[in-house]
PDB file of N, CA and C in Angstrom:
ATOM      1  N   MET A   1     167.606-153.689 -36.105  1.00  0.00           N
ATOM      2  CA  MET A   1     166.626-155.024 -36.188  1.00  0.00           C
ATOM      3  C   MET A   1     165.439-155.015 -35.647  1.00  0.00           C
ATOM      4  N   ALA A   2     164.312-155.321 -36.152  1.00  0.00           N
ATOM      5  CA  ALA A   2     163.186-155.036 -35.086  1.00  0.00           C
ATOM      6  C   ALA A   2     163.055-156.121 -34.259  1.00  0.00           C
ATOM      7  N   TYR A   3     162.279-155.590 -33.234  1.00  0.00           N
ATOM      8  CA  TYR A   3     162.295-156.464 -32.048  1.00  0.00           C
ATOM      9  C   TYR A   3     161.292-156.058 -31.025  1.00  0.00           C
ATOM     10  N   MET A   4     160.340-156.814 -30.558  1.00  0.00           N
ATOM     11  CA  MET A   4     159.312-156.694 -29.856  1.00  0.00           C
ATOM     12  C   MET A   4     159.104-157.420 -28.729  1.00  0.00           C
ATOM     13  N   ASN A   5     159.114-156.860 -27.285  1.00  0.00           N
ATOM     14  CA  ASN A   5     159.152-157.465 -26.254  1.00  0.00           C
ATOM     15  C   ASN A   5     157.764-157.433 -25.213  1.00  0.00           C
ATOM     16  N   GLN A   6     157.827-157.674 -24.130  1.00  0.00           N
ATOM     17  CA  GLN A   6     156.497-157.655 -23.342  1.00  0.00           C
ATOM     18  C   GLN A   6     156.618-156.320 -22.701  1.00  0.00           C
ATOM     19  N   GLU A   7     158.009-156.013 -22.615  1.00  0.00           N
ATOM     20  CA  GLU A   7     158.333-154.709 -21.702  1.00  0.00           C
ATOM     21  C   GLU A   7     157.494-153.296 -22.778  1.00  0.00           C
ATOM     22  N   LYS A   8     158.026-153.395 -24.209  1.00  0.00           N
ATOM     23  CA  LYS A   8     157.536-152.484 -24.947  1.00  0.00           C
ATOM     24  C   LYS A   8     156.080-152.459 -25.067  1.00  0.00           C
ATOM     25  N   LYS A   9     155.558-153.868 -25.052  1.00  0.00           N
ATOM     26  CA  LYS A   9     154.196-153.951 -25.118  1.00  0.00           C
ATOM     27  C   LYS A   9     153.284-153.393 -23.964  1.00  0.00           C
ATOM     28  N   ALA A  10     153.790-153.221 -22.850  1.00  0.00           N
ATOM     29  CA  ALA A  10     153.359-152.667 -21.603  1.00  0.00           C
ATOM     30  C   ALA A  10     153.273-150.983 -21.501  1.00  0.00           C
ATOM     31  N   VAL A  11     154.267-150.802 -22.177  1.00  0.00           N
ATOM     32  CA  VAL A  11     154.188-149.114 -22.512  1.00  0.00           C
ATOM     33  C   VAL A  11     153.337-148.864 -23.612  1.00  0.00           C
ATOM     34  N   ILE A  12     153.073-149.318 -24.728  1.00  0.00           N
ATOM     35  CA  ILE A  12     152.050-149.281 -25.892  1.00  0.00           C
ATOM     36  C   ILE A  12     150.803-149.423 -25.137  1.00  0.00           C
ATOM     37  N   LYS A  13     150.526-150.525 -24.546  1.00  0.00           N
ATOM     38  CA  LYS A  13     149.117-150.726 -23.663  1.00  0.00           C
ATOM     39  C   LYS A  13     148.754-149.605 -22.887  1.00  0.00           C
ATOM     40  N   ALA A  14     149.582-149.238 -22.044  1.00  0.00           N
ATOM     41  CA  ALA A  14     149.273-147.962 -20.909  1.00  0.00           C
ATOM     42  C   ALA A  14     148.983-146.732 -21.506  1.00  0.00           C
ATOM     43  N   SER A  15     149.730-146.546 -23.053  1.00  0.00           N
ATOM     44  CA  SER A  15     149.238-145.363 -23.845  1.00  0.00           C
ATOM     45  C   SER A  15     147.872-145.413 -24.881  1.00  0.00           C
ATOM     46  N   LEU A  16     147.749-146.771 -25.283  1.00  0.00           N
ATOM     47  CA  LEU A  16     146.544-147.173 -25.778  1.00  0.00           C
ATOM     48  C   LEU A  16     145.244-146.962 -24.683  1.00  0.00           C
ATOM     49  N   ASP A  17     145.572-147.512 -23.527  1.00  0.00           N
ATOM     50  CA  ASP A  17     144.431-147.595 -22.147  1.00  0.00           C
ATOM     51  C   ASP A  17     143.931-145.832 -22.222  1.00  0.00           C
ATOM     52  N   LYS A  18     144.902-145.354 -22.190  1.00  0.00           N
ATOM     53  CA  LYS A  18     145.064-143.539 -21.636  1.00  0.00           C
ATOM     54  C   LYS A  18     144.090-142.943 -23.182  1.00  0.00           C
ATOM     55  N   ALA A  19     144.335-143.162 -23.880  1.00  0.00           N
ATOM     56  CA  ALA A  19     143.795-142.998 -25.192  1.00  0.00           C
ATOM     57  C   ALA A  19     142.187-143.440 -25.767  1.00  0.00           C
ATOM     58  N   LEU A  20     142.259-144.643 -25.542  1.00  0.00           N
ATOM     59  CA  LEU A  20     140.933-145.133 -25.949  1.00  0.00           C
ATOM     60  C   LEU A  20     140.113-145.805 -25.062  1.00  0.00           C
ATOM     61  N   LYS A  21     140.442-145.885 -23.545  1.00  0.00           N
ATOM     62  CA  LYS A  21     139.196-146.022 -22.891  1.00  0.00           C
ATOM     63  C   LYS A  21     138.204-145.240 -22.654  1.00  0.00           C
ATOM     64  N   PRO A  22     138.356-143.797 -22.295  1.00  0.00           N
ATOM     65  CA  PRO A  22     137.411-142.749 -22.583  1.00  0.00           C
ATOM     66  C   PRO A  22     136.519-142.552 -23.582  1.00  0.00           C
ATOM     67  N   LEU A  23     136.834-143.282 -24.260  1.00  0.00           N
ATOM     68  CA  LEU A  23     136.035-143.155 -25.930  1.00  0.00           C
ATOM     69  C   LEU A  23     135.011-144.497 -25.672  1.00  0.00           C
ATOM     70  N   GLY A  24     135.667-145.528 -25.040  1.00  0.00           N
ATOM     71  CA  GLY A  24     134.568-146.705 -24.922  1.00  0.00           C
ATOM     72  C   GLY A  24     135.178-147.932 -26.043  1.00  0.00           C
ATOM     73  N   VAL A  25     136.457-147.496 -26.293  1.00  0.00           N
ATOM     74  CA  VAL A  25     136.980-148.553 -27.409  1.00  0.00           C
ATOM     75  C   VAL A  25     137.528-149.421 -26.571  1.00  0.00           C
ATOM     76  N   LYS A  26     137.261-150.951 -27.027  1.00  0.00           N
ATOM     77  CA  LYS A  26     137.953-152.034 -26.509  1.00  0.00           C
ATOM     78  C   LYS A  26     138.880-152.746 -27.505  1.00  0.00           C
ATOM     79  N   PHE A  27     140.104-152.942 -27.052  1.00  0.00           N
ATOM     80  CA  PHE A  27     141.237-153.629 -28.026  1.00  0.00           C
ATOM     81  C   PHE A  27     141.934-154.742 -27.316  1.00  0.00           C
ATOM     82  N   SER A  28     142.712-155.336 -28.114  1.00  0.00           N
ATOM     83  CA  SER A  28     143.580-156.312 -27.840  1.00  0.00           C
ATOM     84  C   SER A  28     145.147-155.992 -28.511  1.00  0.00           C
ATOM     85  N   LEU A  29     146.115-156.444 -27.258  1.00  0.00           N
ATOM     86  CA  LEU A  29     147.468-156.350 -28.174  1.00  0.00           C
ATOM     87  C   LEU A  29     148.151-157.659 -27.744  1.00  0.00           C
ATOM     88  N   ARG A  30     148.903-158.193 -28.857  1.00  0.00           N
ATOM     89  CA  ARG A  30     149.682-159.258 -28.915  1.00  0.00           C
ATOM     90  C   ARG A  30     150.927-158.997 -29.523  1.00  0.00           C
ATOM     91  N   VAL A  31     152.001-159.817 -29.222  1.00  0.00           N
ATOM     92  CA  VAL A  31     153.177-159.837 -30.000  1.00  0.00           C
ATOM     93  C   VAL A  31     153.246-160.744 -30.785  1.00  0.00           C
ATOM     94  N   ARG A  32     153.941-160.724 -32.263  1.00  0.00           N
ATOM     95  CA  ARG A  32     153.903-161.411 -33.194  1.00  0.00           C
ATOM     96  C   ARG A  32     155.414-161.824 -33.459  1.00  0.00           C
ATOM     97  N   HIS A  33     155.842-162.797 -33.500  1.00  0.00           N
ATOM     98  CA  HIS A  33     157.121-163.551 -33.543  1.00  0.00           C
ATOM     99  C   HIS A  33     158.318-162.769 -33.105  1.00  0.00           C
ATOM    100  N   HIS A  34     158.072-161.713 -31.968  1.00  0.00           N
ATOM    101  CA  HIS A  34     159.076-160.897 -31.166  1.00  0.00           C
ATOM    102  C   HIS A  34     159.479-159.861 -32.290  1.00  0.00           C
ATOM    103  N   THR A  35     159.074-159.497 -33.446  1.00  0.00           N
ATOM    104  CA  THR A  35     159.284-158.469 -34.295  1.00  0.00           C
ATOM    105  C   THR A  35     158.071-157.491 -34.454  1.00  0.00           C
ATOM    106  N   ALA A  36     157.062-157.935 -34.070  1.00  0.00           N
ATOM    107  CA  ALA A  36     156.059-157.033 -34.439  1.00  0.00           C
ATOM    108  C   ALA A  36     154.660-157.200 -33.243  1.00  0.00           C
ATOM    109  N   ILE A  37     154.013-155.694 -33.088  1.00  0.00           N
ATOM    110  CA  ILE A  37     152.921-155.861 -32.437  1.00  0.00           C
ATOM    111  C   ILE A  37     151.617-155.879 -33.330  1.00  0.00           C
ATOM    112  N   VAL A  38     150.280-156.369 -32.545  1.00  0.00           N
ATOM    113  CA  VAL A  38     149.251-156.529 -33.338  1.00  0.00           C
ATOM    114  C   VAL A  38     148.243-155.735 -32.572  1.00  0.00           C
ATOM    115  N   CYS A  39     147.629-154.586 -32.635  1.00  0.00           N
ATOM    116  CA  CYS A  39     146.524-154.455 -32.151  1.00  0.00           C
ATOM    117  C   CYS A  39     145.313-154.369 -32.822  1.00  0.00           C
ATOM    118  N   THR A  40     144.363-155.286 -32.060  1.00  0.00           N
ATOM    119  CA  THR A  40     142.967-155.387 -32.937  1.00  0.00           C
ATOM    120  C   THR A  40     141.883-154.673 -32.094  1.00  0.00           C
ATOM    121  N   ILE A  41     141.244-153.703 -32.637  1.00  0.00           N
ATOM    122  CA  ILE A  41     140.094-153.153 -32.116  1.00  0.00           C
ATOM    123  C   ILE A  41     138.550-153.874 -32.187  1.00  0.00           C
ATOM    124  N   LYS A  42     138.503-154.536 -30.836  1.00  0.00           N
ATOM    125  CA  LYS A  42     137.167-155.021 -30.673  1.00  0.00           C
ATOM    126  C   LYS A  42     136.081-154.801 -30.836  1.00  0.00           C
ATOM    127  N   SER A  43     135.925-153.721 -30.145  1.00  0.00           N
ATOM    128  CA  SER A  43     134.471-152.954 -30.308  1.00  0.00           C
ATOM    129  C   SER A  43     134.650-151.364 -29.893  1.00  0.00           C
ATOM    130  N   ALA A  44     133.354-150.734 -30.481  1.00  0.00           N
ATOM    131  CA  ALA A  44     133.309-149.621 -29.897  1.00  0.00           C
ATOM    132  C   ALA A  44     131.962-148.890 -30.006  1.00  0.00           C
ATOM    133  N   PRO A  45     131.490-147.717 -29.403  1.00  0.00           N
ATOM    134  CA  PRO A  45     130.180-147.448 -29.378  1.00  0.00           C
ATOM    135  C   PRO A  45     129.403-146.959 -30.913  1.00  0.00           C
ATOM    136  N   TRP A  46     130.352-146.699 -31.936  1.00  0.00           N
ATOM    137  CA  TRP A  46     129.829-146.706 -33.039  1.00  0.00           C
ATOM    138  C   TRP A  46     130.420-147.629 -34.009  1.00  0.00           C
ATOM    139  N   ASP A  47     129.858-147.494 -35.223  1.00  0.00           N
ATOM    140  CA  ASP A  47     130.551-148.630 -36.286  1.00  0.00           C
ATOM    141  C   ASP A  47     131.734-147.946 -37.072  1.00  0.00           C
ATOM    142  N   MET A  48     132.959-148.426 -36.549  1.00  0.00           N
ATOM    143  CA  MET A  48     134.122-147.942 -37.270  1.00  0.00           C
ATOM    144  C   MET A  48     134.088-148.373 -38.755  1.00  0.00           C
ATOM    145  N   LEU A  49     133.578-149.390 -39.096  1.00  0.00           N
ATOM    146  CA  LEU A  49     133.731-149.885 -40.438  1.00  0.00           C
ATOM    147  C   LEU A  49     133.084-149.011 -41.471  1.00  0.00           C
ATOM    148  N   ALA A  50     131.664-148.355 -40.723  1.00  0.00           N
ATOM    149  CA  ALA A  50     130.930-147.273 -41.543  1.00  0.00           C
ATOM    150  C   ALA A  50     131.536-146.111 -41.817  1.00  0.00           C
ATOM    151  N   ASP A  51     132.552-146.004 -41.183  1.00  0.00           N
ATOM    152  CA  ASP A  51     133.621-144.480 -41.423  1.00  0.00           C
ATOM    153  C   ASP A  51     134.566-144.665 -42.675  1.00  0.00           C
ATOM    154  N   ARG A  52     134.360-145.688 -43.221  1.00  0.00           N
ATOM    155  CA  ARG A  52     135.500-145.644 -44.529  1.00  0.00           C
ATOM    156  C   ARG A  52     135.139-144.857 -45.753  1.00  0.00           C
ATOM    157  N   LYS A  53     136.057-144.032 -46.320  1.00  0.00           N
ATOM    158  CA  LYS A  53     135.590-143.178 -47.572  1.00  0.00           C
ATOM    159  C   LYS A  53     134.907-143.660 -48.587  1.00  0.00           C
ATOM    160  N   SER A  54     135.519-144.984 -48.763  1.00  0.00           N
ATOM    161  CA  SER A  54     134.770-145.758 -50.073  1.00  0.00           C
ATOM    162  C   SER A  54     134.460-147.052 -49.651  1.00  0.00           C
ATOM    163  N   PRO A  55     133.346-147.482 -49.832  1.00  0.00           N
ATOM    164  CA  PRO A  55     132.913-148.597 -49.201  1.00  0.00           C
ATOM    165  C   PRO A  55     133.681-150.059 -49.786  1.00  0.00           C
ATOM    166  N   SER A  56     133.986-151.129 -48.993  1.00  0.00           N
ATOM    167  CA  SER A  56     135.114-152.223 -49.118  1.00  0.00           C
ATOM    168  C   SER A  56     134.034-153.038 -50.287  1.00  0.00           C
ATOM    169  N   GLN A  57     135.045-153.706 -51.151  1.00  0.00           N
ATOM    170  CA  GLN A  57     134.716-154.370 -51.983  1.00  0.00           C
ATOM    171  C   GLN A  57     134.157-155.951 -51.183  1.00  0.00           C
ATOM    172  N   PHE A  58     134.237-156.018 -50.145  1.00  0.00           N
ATOM    173  CA  PHE A  58     133.805-157.068 -49.291  1.00  0.00           C
ATOM    174  C   PHE A  58     133.028-156.705 -48.619  1.00  0.00           C
ATOM    175  N   ASP A  59     131.888-157.529 -48.397  1.00  0.00           N
ATOM    176  CA  ASP A  59     131.062-157.030 -47.204  1.00  0.00           C
ATOM    177  C   ASP A  59     131.627-158.013 -45.993  1.00  0.00           C
ATOM    178  N   ARG A  60     132.164-157.830 -44.787  1.00  0.00           N
ATOM    179  CA  ARG A  60     132.570-158.221 -44.056  1.00  0.00           C
ATOM    180  C   ARG A  60     132.644-157.545 -42.447  1.00  0.00           C
ATOM    181  N   ASP A  61     132.838-157.993 -41.433  1.00  0.00           N
ATOM    182  CA  ASP A  61     132.856-157.551 -40.238  1.00  0.00           C
ATOM    183  C   ASP A  61     134.133-157.328 -39.644  1.00  0.00           C
ATOM    184  N   TYR A  62     134.937-157.473 -40.394  1.00  0.00           N
ATOM    185  CA  TYR A  62     136.710-157.200 -40.052  1.00  0.00           C
ATOM    186  C   TYR A  62     137.241-156.622 -41.019  1.00  0.00           C
ATOM    187  N   GLU A  63     138.233-155.521 -40.744  1.00  0.00           N
ATOM    188  CA  GLU A  63     139.291-155.148 -41.692  1.00  0.00           C
ATOM    189  C   GLU A  63     140.403-154.945 -41.363  1.00  0.00           C
ATOM    190  N   GLN A  64     141.530-155.154 -42.059  1.00  0.00           N
ATOM    191  CA  GLN A  64     143.024-155.028 -41.789  1.00  0.00           C
ATOM    192  C   GLN A  64     143.427-153.539 -42.435  1.00  0.00           C
ATOM    193  N   VAL A  65     143.923-152.671 -41.390  1.00  0.00           N
ATOM    194  CA  VAL A  65     144.093-151.533 -41.514  1.00  0.00           C
ATOM    195  C   VAL A  65     145.316-151.063 -41.984  1.00  0.00           C
ATOM    196  N   ASN A  66     145.655-150.536 -43.229  1.00  0.00           N
ATOM    197  CA  ASN A  66     147.037-150.034 -43.661  1.00  0.00           C
ATOM    198  C   ASN A  66     147.419-148.755 -42.603  1.00  0.00           C
ATOM    199  N   PRO A  67     148.430-149.061 -42.018  1.00  0.00           N
ATOM    200  CA  PRO A  67     149.021-148.264 -40.911  1.00  0.00           C
ATOM    201  C   PRO A  67     149.667-146.537 -41.472  1.00  0.00           C
ATOM    202  N   TYR A  68     149.977-146.949 -42.950  1.00  0.00           N
ATOM    203  CA  TYR A  68     150.768-145.930 -43.815  1.00  0.00           C
ATOM    204  C   TYR A  68     149.499-144.928 -44.394  1.00  0.00           C
ATOM    205  N   TRP A  69     148.551-145.551 -44.565  1.00  0.00           N
ATOM    206  CA  TRP A  69     147.589-144.658 -45.376  1.00  0.00           C
ATOM    207  C   TRP A  69     146.234-144.759 -44.975  1.00  0.00           C
ATOM    208  N   PHE A  70     146.077-144.958 -43.726  1.00  0.00           N
ATOM    209  CA  PHE A  70     144.385-144.786 -43.134  1.00  0.00           C
ATOM    210  C   PHE A  70     143.920-143.850 -43.227  1.00  0.00           C
ATOM    211  N   GLN A  71     144.488-142.515 -43.588  1.00  0.00           N
ATOM    212  CA  GLN A  71     144.206-140.949 -43.308  1.00  0.00           C
ATOM    213  C   GLN A  71     143.499-140.992 -44.802  1.00  0.00           C
ATOM    214  N   ASP A  72     143.938-141.767 -45.849  1.00  0.00           N
ATOM    215  CA  ASP A  72     143.028-141.663 -47.489  1.00  0.00           C
ATOM    216  C   ASP A  72     141.751-142.562 -47.000  1.00  0.00           C
ATOM    217  N   HIS A  73     141.546-143.495 -46.155  1.00  0.00           N
ATOM    218  CA  HIS A  73     140.602-144.473 -46.017  1.00  0.00           C
ATOM    219  C   HIS A  73     139.547-144.363 -45.085  1.00  0.00           C
ATOM    220  N   TYR A  74     139.843-143.527 -44.294  1.00  0.00           N
ATOM    221  CA  TYR A  74     138.739-143.401 -43.168  1.00  0.00           C
ATOM    222  C   TYR A  74     138.418-141.977 -42.858  1.00  0.00           C
ATOM    223  N   GLU A  75     137.481-141.703 -42.031  1.00  0.00           N
ATOM    224  CA  GLU A  75     137.082-140.214 -41.761  1.00  0.00           C
ATOM    225  C   GLU A  75     136.348-140.101 -40.333  1.00  0.00           C
ATOM    226  N   GLY A  76     135.835-139.158 -39.726  1.00  0.00           N
ATOM    227  CA  GLY A  76     135.146-139.057 -38.646  1.00  0.00           C
ATOM    228  C   GLY A  76     135.785-139.358 -37.393  1.00  0.00           C
ATOM    229  N   LYS A  77     135.064-140.034 -36.481  1.00  0.00           N
ATOM    230  CA  LYS A  77     135.717-140.576 -35.431  1.00  0.00           C
ATOM    231  C   LYS A  77     136.722-141.728 -35.394  1.00  0.00           C
ATOM    232  N   THR A  78     136.513-142.586 -36.491  1.00  0.00           N
ATOM    233  CA  THR A  78     137.314-143.613 -36.536  1.00  0.00           C
ATOM    234  C   THR A  78     138.790-143.128 -37.228  1.00  0.00           C
ATOM    235  N   LEU A  79     138.732-142.247 -37.952  1.00  0.00           N
ATOM    236  CA  LEU A  79     140.201-141.518 -38.198  1.00  0.00           C
ATOM    237  C   LEU A  79     140.661-141.096 -36.977  1.00  0.00           C
ATOM    238  N   ASP A  80     140.263-140.358 -35.968  1.00  0.00           N
ATOM    239  CA  ASP A  80     140.573-140.054 -34.751  1.00  0.00           C
ATOM    240  C   ASP A  80     140.951-140.959 -34.048  1.00  0.00           C
ATOM    241  N   VAL A  81     140.421-142.167 -33.727  1.00  0.00           N
ATOM    242  CA  VAL A  81     140.646-143.434 -33.076  1.00  0.00           C
ATOM    243  C   VAL A  81     142.283-143.925 -33.849  1.00  0.00           C
ATOM    244  N   LEU A  82     141.987-144.221 -34.822  1.00  0.00           N
ATOM    245  CA  LEU A  82     143.293-144.550 -35.766  1.00  0.00           C
ATOM    246  C   LEU A  82     144.502-143.938 -35.543  1.00  0.00           C
ATOM    247  N   THR A  83     144.474-142.407 -35.580  1.00  0.00           N
ATOM    248  CA  THR A  83     145.514-141.619 -35.417  1.00  0.00           C
ATOM    249  C   THR A  83     146.048-141.836 -33.912  1.00  0.00           C
ATOM    250  N   LYS A  84     144.919-141.929 -32.897  1.00  0.00           N
ATOM    251  CA  LYS A  84     145.602-142.333 -31.595  1.00  0.00           C
ATOM    252  C   LYS A  84     146.128-143.484 -31.560  1.00  0.00           C
ATOM    253  N   VAL A  85     145.647-144.324 -32.278  1.00  0.00           N
ATOM    254  CA  VAL A  85     146.261-146.171 -31.995  1.00  0.00           C
ATOM    255  C   VAL A  85     147.639-145.786 -32.668  1.00  0.00           C
ATOM    256  N   VAL A  86     148.238-145.146 -33.856  1.00  0.00           N
ATOM    257  CA  VAL A  86     149.363-145.389 -34.416  1.00  0.00           C
ATOM    258  C   VAL A  86     150.140-144.463 -33.251  1.00  0.00           C
ATOM    259  N   ASP A  87     149.977-143.523 -32.988  1.00  0.00           N
ATOM    260  CA  ASP A  87     150.844-142.645 -31.971  1.00  0.00           C
ATOM    261  C   ASP A  87     150.920-143.438 -30.988  1.00  0.00           C
ATOM    262  N   ALA A  88     150.242-144.205 -30.134  1.00  0.00           N
ATOM    263  CA  ALA A  88     150.049-144.612 -29.082  1.00  0.00           C
ATOM    264  C   ALA A  88     151.381-146.070 -29.342  1.00  0.00           C
ATOM    265  N   ILE A  89     151.272-146.628 -30.431  1.00  0.00           N
ATOM    266  CA  ILE A  89     152.146-147.813 -30.856  1.00  0.00           C
ATOM    267  C   ILE A  89     153.515-147.569 -30.898  1.00  0.00           C
ATOM    268  N   LYS A  90     153.425-146.294 -31.423  1.00  0.00           N
ATOM    269  CA  LYS A  90     154.807-145.301 -31.546  1.00  0.00           C
ATOM    270  C   LYS A  90     155.384-145.070 -30.524  1.00  0.00           C
ATOM    271  N   SER A  91     154.957-144.996 -29.513  1.00  0.00           N
ATOM    272  CA  SER A  91     155.363-144.559 -28.188  1.00  0.00           C
ATOM    273  C   SER A  91     156.461-145.710 -27.326  1.00  0.00           C
ATOM    274  N   ALA A  92     156.756-146.504 -27.704  1.00  0.00           N
ATOM    275  CA  ALA A  92     157.782-147.532 -27.299  1.00  0.00           C
ATOM    276  C   ALA A  92     159.060-147.568 -27.782  1.00  0.00           C
ATOM    277  N   ASP A  93     159.505-146.092 -27.975  1.00  0.00           N
ATOM    278  CA  ASP A  93     160.923-146.041 -28.515  1.00  0.00           C
ATOM    279  C   ASP A  93     160.983-146.522 -29.860  1.00  0.00           C
ATOM    280  N   TYR A  94     159.950-146.033 -30.973  1.00  0.00           N
ATOM    281  CA  TYR A  94     159.859-146.472 -32.373  1.00  0.00           C
ATOM    282  C   TYR A  94     160.881-145.946 -33.216  1.00  0.00           C
ATOM    283  N   TYR A  95     161.501-146.209 -33.948  1.00  0.00           N
ATOM    284  CA  TYR A  95     162.069-145.244 -35.103  1.00  0.00           C
ATOM    285  C   TYR A  95     162.030-146.323 -36.281  1.00  0.00           C
ATOM    286  N   ASP A  96     161.969-145.725 -37.541  1.00  0.00           N
ATOM    287  CA  ASP A  96     162.205-146.240 -38.675  1.00  0.00           C
ATOM    288  C   ASP A  96     162.844-145.681 -39.691  1.00  0.00           C
ATOM    289  N   GLU A  97     164.165-145.954 -39.947  1.00  0.00           N
ATOM    290  CA  GLU A  97     165.648-145.710 -40.813  1.00  0.00           C
ATOM    291  C   GLU A  97     165.520-146.467 -41.961  1.00  0.00           C
ATOM    292  N   SER A  98     164.520-147.229 -42.390  1.00  0.00           N
ATOM    293  CA  SER A  98     164.606-147.740 -43.481  1.00  0.00           C
ATOM    294  C   SER A  98     164.618-147.122 -45.030  1.00  0.00           C
ATOM    295  N   ASP A  99     165.014-147.649 -45.662  1.00  0.00           N
ATOM    296  CA  ASP A  99     165.496-146.989 -47.334  1.00  0.00           C
ATOM    297  C   ASP A  99     165.067-147.990 -48.185  1.00  0.00           C
ATOM    298  N   ALA A 100     163.909-148.250 -48.503  1.00  0.00           N
ATOM    299  CA  ALA A 100     163.579-149.316 -49.837  1.00  0.00           C
ATOM    300  C   ALA A 100     164.378-149.094 -51.196  1.00  0.00           C
ATOM    301  N   MET A 101     164.617-147.966 -51.396  1.00  0.00           N
ATOM    302  CA  MET A 101     165.332-147.690 -52.464  1.00  0.00           C
ATOM    303  C   MET A 101     166.700-148.637 -52.555  1.00  0.00           C
ATOM    304  N   ILE A 102     167.201-148.884 -51.501  1.00  0.00           N
ATOM    305  CA  ILE A 102     168.666-149.473 -51.304  1.00  0.00           C
ATOM    306  C   ILE A 102     168.428-151.112 -50.512  1.00  0.00           C
ATOM    307  N   ASP A 103     167.083-151.429 -50.537  1.00  0.00           N
ATOM    308  CA  ASP A 103     166.691-152.542 -49.999  1.00  0.00           C
ATOM    309  C   ASP A 103     167.447-152.693 -48.619  1.00  0.00           C
ATOM    310  N   TYR A 104     167.115-151.862 -47.690  1.00  0.00           N
ATOM    311  CA  TYR A 104     167.887-151.692 -46.218  1.00  0.00           C
ATOM    312  C   TYR A 104     166.462-151.263 -45.355  1.00  0.00           C
ATOM    313  N   PHE A 105     166.476-152.337 -44.364  1.00  0.00           N
ATOM    314  CA  PHE A 105     165.104-152.011 -43.451  1.00  0.00           C
ATOM    315  C   PHE A 105     165.547-152.230 -42.257  1.00  0.00           C
ATOM    316  N   ASN A 106     165.533-151.007 -41.373  1.00  0.00           N
ATOM    317  CA  ASN A 106     166.015-150.759 -40.052  1.00  0.00           C
ATOM    318  C   ASN A 106     164.950-150.056 -39.240  1.00  0.00           C
ATOM    319  N   THR A 107     163.977-150.731 -38.293  1.00  0.00           N
ATOM    320  CA  THR A 107     162.703-150.331 -37.647  1.00  0.00           C
ATOM    321  C   THR A 107     162.956-150.779 -36.506  1.00  0.00           C
ATOM    322  N   ALA A 108     162.313-150.334 -35.337  1.00  0.00           N
ATOM    323  CA  ALA A 108     162.636-150.828 -33.893  1.00  0.00           C
ATOM    324  C   ALA A 108     161.767-151.966 -34.116  1.00  0.00           C
ATOM    325  N   TYR A 109     160.410-152.028 -34.563  1.00  0.00           N
ATOM    326  CA  TYR A 109     159.337-153.136 -34.745  1.00  0.00           C
ATOM    327  C   TYR A 109     158.398-152.658 -35.664  1.00  0.00           C
ATOM    328  N   TYR A 110     157.759-153.759 -36.038  1.00  0.00           N
ATOM    329  CA  TYR A 110     156.816-153.563 -36.723  1.00  0.00           C
ATOM    330  C   TYR A 110     155.475-153.797 -36.323  1.00  0.00           C
ATOM    331  N   PHE A 111     154.408-153.080 -36.909  1.00  0.00           N
ATOM    332  CA  PHE A 111     153.058-152.893 -36.286  1.00  0.00           C
ATOM    333  C   PHE A 111     151.727-153.284 -37.337  1.00  0.00           C
ATOM    334  N   ASP A 112     150.962-153.973 -36.538  1.00  0.00           N
ATOM    335  CA  ASP A 112     149.398-154.322 -37.687  1.00  0.00           C
ATOM    336  C   ASP A 112     148.441-153.582 -36.578  1.00  0.00           C
ATOM    337  N   ILE A 113     147.214-153.148 -37.478  1.00  0.00           N
ATOM    338  CA  ILE A 113     146.381-152.491 -37.055  1.00  0.00           C
ATOM    339  C   ILE A 113     144.767-153.268 -37.361  1.00  0.00           C
ATOM    340  N   ASN A 114     144.403-153.933 -36.671  1.00  0.00           N
ATOM    341  CA  ASN A 114     142.889-154.730 -37.108  1.00  0.00           C
ATOM    342  C   ASN A 114     141.706-154.129 -36.444  1.00  0.00           C
ATOM    343  N   ILE A 115     140.488-154.014 -37.433  1.00  0.00           N
ATOM    344  CA  ILE A 115     139.488-153.552 -36.832  1.00  0.00           C
ATOM    345  C   ILE A 115     138.631-154.897 -36.924  1.00  0.00           C
ATOM    346  N   GLY A 116     138.321-155.616 -35.866  1.00  0.00           N
ATOM    347  CA  GLY A 116     137.723-156.742 -35.495  1.00  0.00           C
ATOM    348  C   GLY A 116     138.692-157.917 -36.153  1.00  0.00           C
ATOM    349  N   ASP A 117     138.459-159.132 -36.290  1.00  0.00           N
ATOM    350  CA  ASP A 117     139.114-159.912 -36.690  1.00  0.00           C
ATOM    351  C   ASP A 117     138.454-160.995 -37.691  1.00  0.00           C
ATOM    352  N   TYR A 118     139.131-162.033 -38.348  1.00  0.00           N
ATOM    353  CA  TYR A 118     138.186-162.841 -39.006  1.00  0.00           C
ATOM    354  C   TYR A 118     137.272-163.896 -38.315  1.00  0.00           C
ATOM    355  N   ASP A 119     138.020-164.383 -37.202  1.00  0.00           N
ATOM    356  CA  ASP A 119     137.060-165.156 -36.392  1.00  0.00           C
ATOM    357  C   ASP A 119     136.115-164.455 -35.393  1.00  0.00           C
ATOM    358  N   LYS A 120     136.369-163.286 -35.091  1.00  0.00           N
ATOM    359  CA  LYS A 120     135.835-162.260 -34.057  1.00  0.00           C
ATOM    360  C   LYS A 120     135.277-161.139 -34.462  1.00  0.00           C
ATOM    361  N   PRO A 121     134.213-160.839 -35.185  1.00  0.00           N
ATOM    362  CA  PRO A 121     134.078-159.656 -35.853  1.00  0.00           C
ATOM    363  C   PRO A 121     133.768-158.527 -34.863  1.00  0.00           C
ATOM    364  N   PHE A 122     134.132-157.337 -35.401  1.00  0.00           N
ATOM    365  CA  PHE A 122     133.847-156.041 -34.648  1.00  0.00           C
ATOM    366  C   PHE A 122     132.712-155.862 -34.305  1.00  0.00           C
ATOM    367  N   GLN A 123     132.721-155.471 -33.066  1.00  0.00           N
ATOM    368  CA  GLN A 123     130.835-155.616 -32.719  1.00  0.00           C
ATOM    369  C   GLN A 123     130.878-153.766 -32.154  1.00  0.00           C
ATOM    370  N   VAL A 124     129.601-153.402 -32.149  1.00  0.00           N
ATOM    371  CA  VAL A 124     129.303-151.937 -32.131  1.00  0.00           C
ATOM    372  C   VAL A 124     128.396-152.383 -30.633  1.00  0.00           C
ATOM    373  N   LYS A 125     128.901-151.650 -29.750  1.00  0.00           N
ATOM    374  CA  LYS A 125     128.488-151.866 -28.159  1.00  0.00           C
ATOM    375  C   LYS A 125     128.087-150.384 -27.702  1.00  0.00           C
TER     376      LYS A 125
END
């Protein structure tokens, strides 16, 4: 059963600090409904949204990243950062034994990745 708590969040935060602070990337973490962790990338020294392989149909300052297909949608530094983010998020005893074919979902926890947010857009600093 998916479960997320503050102890797992602390492990993930330490991994993200180690991976992203040297790059100048600022982020926030929050636990959602005790089942998921949400990582929001707030700012970076380059425009992460400009590294999309195909332009979005919407002109906006934020984006929700699909953590399963981000390799197909991003390139350059942004792809490297998102790879580090996913690896860091999975550092807190993550497992996924789900089988959608038989409608069986068994994962340590769910996770979401955002670049910016709808009320606080991504910033280039």
